[in-house]
């Protein structure tokens, strides 16, 4: 979702980088890290979610919920596959 900075109303905000987490925690870590990463404006810096419009906040909260549920699902799938593999 593209959104203008709520402070300067000129720059597009972007999510913080999560490249270090990806290398260390894999897919589950990436999903969780991306869901909780903050938004940054090139001119204003880090912007708290509370400063954005309500409809943007609700969209971000939905995405965060589905991303965390996806991470839990991937983790559970890996555990189940390992358990099934051990039984064979």
N, C-alpha and C. Protein backbone atom coordinates (compact mmCIF):
# COMPACT_ATOMS: atom_id res chain seq x y z
N UNK A 1 0.84 -1.18 0.00
CA UNK A 1 0.00 0.00 0.00
C UNK A 1 0.88 1.24 0.00
N UNK A 2 0.73 2.05 -1.02
CA UNK A 2 1.48 3.28 -1.08
C UNK A 2 0.76 4.34 -0.25
N UNK A 3 1.55 5.09 0.50
CA UNK A 3 0.97 6.09 1.38
C UNK A 3 1.93 7.27 1.47
N UNK A 4 1.39 8.47 1.41
CA UNK A 4 2.21 9.66 1.61
C UNK A 4 2.50 9.83 3.09
N UNK A 5 3.61 10.45 3.38
CA UNK A 5 4.00 10.72 4.76
C UNK A 5 2.95 11.62 5.42
N UNK A 6 2.48 11.24 6.61
CA UNK A 6 1.47 12.08 7.27
C UNK A 6 2.05 13.38 7.83
N UNK A 7 3.36 13.50 7.86
CA UNK A 7 3.98 14.73 8.38
C UNK A 7 4.23 15.75 7.26
N UNK A 8 4.96 15.34 6.22
CA UNK A 8 5.34 16.29 5.17
C UNK A 8 4.39 16.25 3.97
N UNK A 9 3.62 15.20 3.81
CA UNK A 9 2.65 15.02 2.71
C UNK A 9 3.30 15.13 1.33
N UNK A 10 4.60 14.86 1.24
CA UNK A 10 5.29 14.95 -0.04
C UNK A 10 5.95 13.64 -0.45
N UNK A 11 6.52 12.90 0.49
CA UNK A 11 7.29 11.70 0.21
C UNK A 11 6.44 10.45 0.45
N UNK A 12 6.73 9.39 -0.32
CA UNK A 12 6.10 8.09 -0.08
C UNK A 12 6.84 7.40 1.06
N UNK A 13 6.11 6.80 1.97
CA UNK A 13 6.74 6.06 3.05
C UNK A 13 7.09 4.66 2.56
N UNK A 14 8.11 4.07 3.19
CA UNK A 14 8.55 2.73 2.85
C UNK A 14 8.81 1.96 4.13
N UNK A 15 8.70 0.64 4.06
CA UNK A 15 8.98 -0.20 5.23
C UNK A 15 10.48 -0.27 5.48
N UNK A 16 10.84 -0.48 6.73
CA UNK A 16 12.24 -0.65 7.10
C UNK A 16 12.79 -1.93 6.49
N UNK A 17 14.09 -1.99 6.31
CA UNK A 17 14.74 -3.16 5.75
C UNK A 17 14.80 -4.30 6.77
N UNK A 18 14.66 -5.54 6.27
CA UNK A 18 14.72 -6.72 7.13
C UNK A 18 15.72 -7.74 6.59
N UNK A 19 16.74 -7.30 5.87
CA UNK A 19 17.66 -8.24 5.22
C UNK A 19 18.45 -9.08 6.23
N UNK A 20 18.85 -8.51 7.35
CA UNK A 20 19.60 -9.28 8.36
C UNK A 20 18.75 -10.38 8.98
N UNK A 21 17.49 -10.11 9.20
CA UNK A 21 16.59 -11.10 9.79
C UNK A 21 16.42 -12.27 8.83
N UNK A 22 16.31 -11.98 7.54
CA UNK A 22 16.12 -13.04 6.55
C UNK A 22 17.29 -14.01 6.57
N UNK A 23 18.48 -13.50 6.66
CA UNK A 23 19.65 -14.37 6.68
C UNK A 23 19.73 -15.21 7.94
N UNK A 24 19.23 -14.71 9.03
CA UNK A 24 19.39 -15.40 10.31
C UNK A 24 18.19 -16.26 10.69
N UNK A 25 16.97 -15.87 10.32
CA UNK A 25 15.79 -16.57 10.82
C UNK A 25 14.97 -17.26 9.74
N UNK A 26 15.31 -17.11 8.49
CA UNK A 26 14.60 -17.78 7.42
C UNK A 26 13.23 -17.20 7.14
N UNK A 27 12.38 -18.02 6.55
CA UNK A 27 11.06 -17.57 6.10
C UNK A 27 10.16 -17.13 7.25
N UNK A 28 10.13 -17.89 8.32
CA UNK A 28 9.28 -17.54 9.46
C UNK A 28 9.73 -16.21 10.06
N UNK A 29 11.02 -16.03 10.23
CA UNK A 29 11.55 -14.77 10.75
C UNK A 29 11.26 -13.61 9.82
N UNK A 30 11.36 -13.84 8.52
CA UNK A 30 11.06 -12.79 7.56
C UNK A 30 9.60 -12.36 7.64
N UNK A 31 8.69 -13.32 7.71
CA UNK A 31 7.27 -12.98 7.78
C UNK A 31 6.95 -12.18 9.04
N UNK A 32 7.52 -12.58 10.15
CA UNK A 32 7.26 -11.85 11.40
C UNK A 32 7.93 -10.48 11.38
N UNK A 33 9.17 -10.42 10.91
CA UNK A 33 9.89 -9.14 10.88
C UNK A 33 9.21 -8.14 9.95
N UNK A 34 8.76 -8.58 8.79
CA UNK A 34 8.08 -7.69 7.86
C UNK A 34 6.74 -7.21 8.43
N UNK A 35 6.11 -8.04 9.23
CA UNK A 35 4.82 -7.64 9.77
C UNK A 35 4.94 -6.58 10.87
N UNK A 36 6.06 -6.55 11.56
CA UNK A 36 6.21 -5.58 12.64
C UNK A 36 7.18 -4.45 12.31
N UNK A 37 7.70 -4.42 11.07
CA UNK A 37 8.64 -3.36 10.72
C UNK A 37 7.93 -2.01 10.64
N UNK A 38 8.68 -0.96 10.88
CA UNK A 38 8.11 0.38 10.91
C UNK A 38 8.15 1.02 9.52
N UNK A 39 7.48 2.14 9.39
CA UNK A 39 7.47 2.90 8.15
C UNK A 39 8.41 4.08 8.27
N UNK A 40 9.13 4.36 7.19
CA UNK A 40 10.10 5.46 7.17
C UNK A 40 9.82 6.40 6.01
N UNK A 41 9.93 7.68 6.28
CA UNK A 41 9.85 8.71 5.25
C UNK A 41 11.29 9.15 4.95
N UNK A 42 11.66 9.32 3.68
CA UNK A 42 13.02 9.77 3.37
C UNK A 42 13.36 11.13 3.98
N UNK A 43 12.36 11.98 4.16
CA UNK A 43 12.61 13.31 4.71
C UNK A 43 12.41 13.39 6.22
N UNK A 44 11.41 12.69 6.74
CA UNK A 44 11.03 12.83 8.15
C UNK A 44 11.56 11.72 9.06
N UNK A 45 11.99 10.60 8.50
CA UNK A 45 12.49 9.50 9.33
C UNK A 45 11.37 8.53 9.69
N UNK A 46 11.53 7.87 10.84
CA UNK A 46 10.59 6.85 11.29
C UNK A 46 9.24 7.48 11.66
N UNK A 47 8.16 6.87 11.15
CA UNK A 47 6.81 7.37 11.40
C UNK A 47 6.02 6.30 12.15
N UNK A 48 5.50 6.60 13.34
CA UNK A 48 4.66 5.63 14.06
C UNK A 48 3.35 5.37 13.30
N UNK A 49 2.84 4.17 13.42
CA UNK A 49 1.60 3.80 12.73
C UNK A 49 0.42 4.67 13.18
N UNK A 50 0.45 5.14 14.40
CA UNK A 50 -0.65 5.94 14.94
C UNK A 50 -0.83 7.28 14.20
N UNK A 51 0.19 7.74 13.49
CA UNK A 51 0.09 9.01 12.77
C UNK A 51 -0.57 8.88 11.40
N UNK A 52 -0.77 7.67 10.93
CA UNK A 52 -1.37 7.46 9.62
C UNK A 52 -2.89 7.50 9.73
N UNK A 53 -3.58 7.70 8.57
CA UNK A 53 -5.05 7.69 8.59
C UNK A 53 -5.60 6.33 9.05
N UNK A 54 -6.81 6.35 9.57
CA UNK A 54 -7.42 5.14 10.14
C UNK A 54 -7.54 4.01 9.14
N UNK A 55 -7.91 4.30 7.89
CA UNK A 55 -8.07 3.23 6.90
C UNK A 55 -6.73 2.58 6.56
N UNK A 56 -5.65 3.34 6.56
CA UNK A 56 -4.31 2.77 6.33
C UNK A 56 -3.91 1.90 7.53
N UNK A 57 -4.19 2.38 8.73
CA UNK A 57 -3.88 1.61 9.94
C UNK A 57 -4.61 0.27 9.95
N UNK A 58 -5.89 0.27 9.59
CA UNK A 58 -6.64 -0.98 9.61
C UNK A 58 -6.11 -1.95 8.55
N UNK A 59 -5.72 -1.45 7.39
CA UNK A 59 -5.13 -2.31 6.37
C UNK A 59 -3.81 -2.92 6.82
N UNK A 60 -2.98 -2.12 7.47
CA UNK A 60 -1.70 -2.61 7.98
C UNK A 60 -1.92 -3.65 9.07
N UNK A 61 -2.87 -3.41 9.94
CA UNK A 61 -3.16 -4.37 11.01
C UNK A 61 -3.65 -5.71 10.45
N UNK A 62 -4.48 -5.67 9.40
CA UNK A 62 -4.94 -6.90 8.76
C UNK A 62 -3.76 -7.65 8.15
N UNK A 63 -2.89 -6.92 7.44
CA UNK A 63 -1.73 -7.55 6.83
C UNK A 63 -0.81 -8.16 7.89
N UNK A 64 -0.65 -7.46 9.00
CA UNK A 64 0.19 -7.98 10.08
C UNK A 64 -0.39 -9.28 10.65
N UNK A 65 -1.68 -9.30 10.85
CA UNK A 65 -2.33 -10.49 11.38
C UNK A 65 -2.15 -11.68 10.44
N UNK A 66 -2.43 -11.49 9.15
CA UNK A 66 -2.29 -12.58 8.19
C UNK A 66 -0.84 -13.01 8.03
N UNK A 67 0.08 -12.09 8.12
CA UNK A 67 1.49 -12.43 8.00
C UNK A 67 1.96 -13.28 9.18
N UNK A 68 1.55 -12.91 10.37
CA UNK A 68 1.92 -13.69 11.56
C UNK A 68 1.24 -15.05 11.54
N UNK A 69 -0.03 -15.10 11.12
CA UNK A 69 -0.71 -16.39 10.99
C UNK A 69 -0.02 -17.27 9.94
N UNK A 70 0.43 -16.66 8.85
CA UNK A 70 1.17 -17.40 7.84
C UNK A 70 2.48 -17.94 8.39
N UNK A 71 3.18 -17.15 9.19
CA UNK A 71 4.43 -17.60 9.80
C UNK A 71 4.18 -18.78 10.73
N UNK A 72 3.13 -18.71 11.51
CA UNK A 72 2.80 -19.82 12.41
C UNK A 72 2.43 -21.04 11.59
N UNK A 73 1.70 -20.85 10.49
CA UNK A 73 1.33 -21.96 9.62
C UNK A 73 2.54 -22.62 8.98
N UNK A 74 3.48 -21.83 8.50
CA UNK A 74 4.71 -22.39 7.92
C UNK A 74 5.49 -23.16 8.97
N UNK A 75 5.61 -22.60 10.13
CA UNK A 75 6.34 -23.27 11.22
C UNK A 75 5.67 -24.59 11.58
N UNK A 76 4.35 -24.58 11.70
CA UNK A 76 3.62 -25.81 12.03
C UNK A 76 3.76 -26.85 10.92
N UNK A 77 3.73 -26.41 9.67
CA UNK A 77 3.89 -27.32 8.54
C UNK A 77 5.26 -27.99 8.56
N UNK A 78 6.29 -27.24 8.86
CA UNK A 78 7.65 -27.81 8.94
C UNK A 78 7.72 -28.82 10.08
N UNK A 79 7.15 -28.51 11.22
CA UNK A 79 7.16 -29.44 12.35
C UNK A 79 6.41 -30.73 11.98
N UNK A 80 5.25 -30.60 11.36
CA UNK A 80 4.47 -31.78 10.96
C UNK A 80 5.25 -32.62 9.95
N UNK A 81 5.86 -31.98 8.97
CA UNK A 81 6.63 -32.72 7.97
C UNK A 81 7.82 -33.43 8.59
N UNK A 82 8.48 -32.79 9.54
CA UNK A 82 9.59 -33.46 10.23
C UNK A 82 9.10 -34.64 11.06
N UNK A 83 7.96 -34.49 11.70
CA UNK A 83 7.39 -35.56 12.51
C UNK A 83 6.99 -36.74 11.62
N UNK A 84 6.36 -36.47 10.49
CA UNK A 84 5.95 -37.52 9.57
C UNK A 84 7.19 -38.23 8.99
N UNK A 85 8.21 -37.47 8.70
CA UNK A 85 9.45 -38.04 8.16
C UNK A 85 10.10 -38.99 9.17
N UNK A 86 10.05 -38.64 10.42
CA UNK A 86 10.63 -39.50 11.47
C UNK A 86 9.83 -40.79 11.64
N UNK A 87 8.53 -40.75 11.39
CA UNK A 87 7.70 -41.95 11.53
C UNK A 87 7.93 -42.94 10.40
N UNK A 88 8.41 -42.49 9.26
CA UNK A 88 8.61 -43.39 8.12
C UNK A 88 9.89 -44.13 8.18
